[in-house]
C-alpha atoms as a PDB file:
ATOM      1  CA  UNK A   1     115.220 101.108  96.394  1.00  0.00           C
ATOM      2  CA  UNK A   2     115.750 105.208  97.401  1.00  0.00           C
ATOM      3  CA  UNK A   3     118.360 106.996  95.378  1.00  0.00           C
ATOM      4  CA  UNK A   4     119.894 110.290  96.485  1.00  0.00           C
ATOM      5  CA  UNK A   5     120.053 112.917  93.731  1.00  0.00           C
ATOM      6  CA  UNK A   6     121.101 116.791  92.957  1.00  0.00           C
ATOM      7  CA  UNK A   7     119.258 118.742  90.936  1.00  0.00           C
ATOM      8  CA  UNK A   8     120.525 121.627  88.639  1.00  0.00           C
ATOM      9  CA  UNK A   9     118.093 123.260  87.153  1.00  0.00           C
ATOM     10  CA  UNK A  10     118.067 126.013  84.042  1.00  0.00           C
ATOM     11  CA  UNK A  11     121.045 123.894  82.664  1.00  0.00           C
ATOM     12  CA  UNK A  12     121.702 123.833  79.272  1.00  0.00           C
ATOM     13  CA  UNK A  13     121.332 120.476  78.198  1.00  0.00           C
ATOM     14  CA  UNK A  14     119.281 117.185  80.181  1.00  0.00           C
ATOM     15  CA  UNK A  15     121.008 114.685  81.515  1.00  0.00           C
ATOM     16  CA  UNK A  16     121.864 112.062  84.401  1.00  0.00           C
ATOM     17  CA  UNK A  17     125.122 111.445  85.698  1.00  0.00           C
ATOM     18  CA  UNK A  18     126.596 109.758  89.082  1.00  0.00           C
ATOM     19  CA  UNK A  19     128.836 111.265  91.368  1.00  0.00           C
ATOM     20  CA  UNK A  20     130.004 108.976  93.972  1.00  0.00           C
ATOM     21  CA  UNK A  21     126.741 108.029  95.839  1.00  0.00           C
ATOM     22  CA  UNK A  22     124.391 110.827  94.421  1.00  0.00           C
ATOM     23  CA  UNK A  23     123.299 111.417  90.958  1.00  0.00           C
ATOM     24  CA  UNK A  24     123.338 114.480  89.691  1.00  0.00           C
ATOM     25  CA  UNK A  25     120.348 115.280  87.436  1.00  0.00           C
ATOM     26  CA  UNK A  26     120.407 118.457  85.021  1.00  0.00           C
ATOM     27  CA  UNK A  27     116.999 119.790  83.674  1.00  0.00           C
ATOM     28  CA  UNK A  28     115.816 122.559  81.554  1.00  0.00           C
ATOM     29  CA  UNK A  29     113.293 123.382  83.559  1.00  0.00           C
ATOM     30  CA  UNK A  30     113.350 126.467  86.074  1.00  0.00           C
ATOM     31  CA  UNK A  31     112.118 125.516  89.923  1.00  0.00           C
ATOM     32  CA  UNK A  32     109.281 126.745  89.551  1.00  0.00           C
ATOM     33  CA  UNK A  33     105.678 125.374  90.707  1.00  0.00           C
ATOM     34  CA  UNK A  34     106.894 121.896  90.304  1.00  0.00           C
ATOM     35  CA  UNK A  35     107.884 122.178  86.673  1.00  0.00           C
ATOM     36  CA  UNK A  36     111.922 121.119  87.798  1.00  0.00           C
ATOM     37  CA  UNK A  37     110.839 118.343  89.828  1.00  0.00           C
ATOM     38  CA  UNK A  38     108.532 117.108  86.811  1.00  0.00           C
ATOM     39  CA  UNK A  39     111.255 117.092  84.143  1.00  0.00           C
ATOM     40  CA  UNK A  40     113.273 114.891  87.070  1.00  0.00           C
ATOM     41  CA  UNK A  41     111.000 112.463  87.467  1.00  0.00           C
ATOM     42  CA  UNK A  42     110.059 112.065  83.786  1.00  0.00           C
ATOM     43  CA  UNK A  43     114.283 112.158  82.824  1.00  0.00           C
ATOM     44  CA  UNK A  44     115.188 109.799  85.900  1.00  0.00           C
ATOM     45  CA  UNK A  45     112.659 107.511  84.695  1.00  0.00           C
ATOM     46  CA  UNK A  46     114.080 106.987  81.060  1.00  0.00           C
ATOM     47  CA  UNK A  47     116.998 107.076  82.356  1.00  0.00           C
ATOM     48  CA  UNK A  48     116.313 103.673  84.522  1.00  0.00           C
ATOM     49  CA  UNK A  49     114.314 102.592  82.205  1.00  0.00           C
ATOM     50  CA  UNK A  50     110.858 102.529  84.614  1.00  0.00           C
ATOM     51  CA  UNK A  51     107.385 104.100  84.217  1.00  0.00           C
ATOM     52  CA  UNK A  52     107.357 107.564  85.448  1.00  0.00           C
ATOM     53  CA  UNK A  53     104.618 106.425  87.723  1.00  0.00           C
ATOM     54  CA  UNK A  54     107.415 103.730  89.448  1.00  0.00           C
ATOM     55  CA  UNK A  55     109.391 107.151  90.960  1.00  0.00           C
ATOM     56  CA  UNK A  56     108.133 109.644  93.829  1.00  0.00           C
ATOM     57  CA  UNK A  57     109.579 111.959  95.651  1.00  0.00           C
ATOM     58  CA  UNK A  58     110.057 111.127  99.199  1.00  0.00           C
ATOM     59  CA  UNK A  59     112.254 114.321 100.687  1.00  0.00           C
ATOM     60  CA  UNK A  60     113.436 117.511  99.224  1.00  0.00           C
ATOM     61  CA  UNK A  61     110.531 119.054  96.928  1.00  0.00           C
ATOM     62  CA  UNK A  62     111.435 122.325  97.539  1.00  0.00           C
ATOM     63  CA  UNK A  63     115.569 122.025  97.163  1.00  0.00           C
ATOM     64  CA  UNK A  64     118.154 120.986  95.133  1.00  0.00           C
ATOM     65  CA  UNK A  65     119.216 117.516  96.964  1.00  0.00           C
ATOM     66  CA  UNK A  66     116.260 115.070  97.158  1.00  0.00           C
ATOM     67  CA  UNK A  67     115.653 111.385  97.605  1.00  0.00           C
ATOM     68  CA  UNK A  68     113.704 109.587  94.903  1.00  0.00           C
ATOM     69  CA  UNK A  69     112.230 106.453  95.686  1.00  0.00           C
ATOM     70  CA  UNK A  70     111.982 103.712  92.830  1.00  0.00           C
ATOM     71  CA  UNK A  71     108.390 101.288  93.715  1.00  0.00           C
ATOM     72  CA  UNK A  72     108.803  97.828  92.727  1.00  0.00           C
ATOM     73  CA  UNK A  73     106.020  96.846  89.614  1.00  0.00           C
ATOM     74  CA  UNK A  74     103.504  95.736  90.551  1.00  0.00           C
ATOM     75  CA  UNK A  75     103.384  91.712  90.714  1.00  0.00           C
ATOM     76  CA  UNK A  76     106.603  91.644  91.652  1.00  0.00           C
ATOM     77  CA  UNK A  77     109.465  90.062  89.869  1.00  0.00           C
ATOM     78  CA  UNK A  78     109.452  86.940  87.611  1.00  0.00           C
END
């Protein structure tokens, strides 16, 4: 599954909201040396209830608009 997100770094709060088809992810970290990307993955994983290792940024590494892939659990669903 792929999710379109819009990142808002250097926010006062950390939260995930949904606006139409896009998730808006606000993180406190600045967009320096991948810090905001790591914070986005951590916060989004917590919001979705999945391990961080199942999330992967597939496009938009240096942009505010990103596409995140949520990989299936190993062993599949039962």
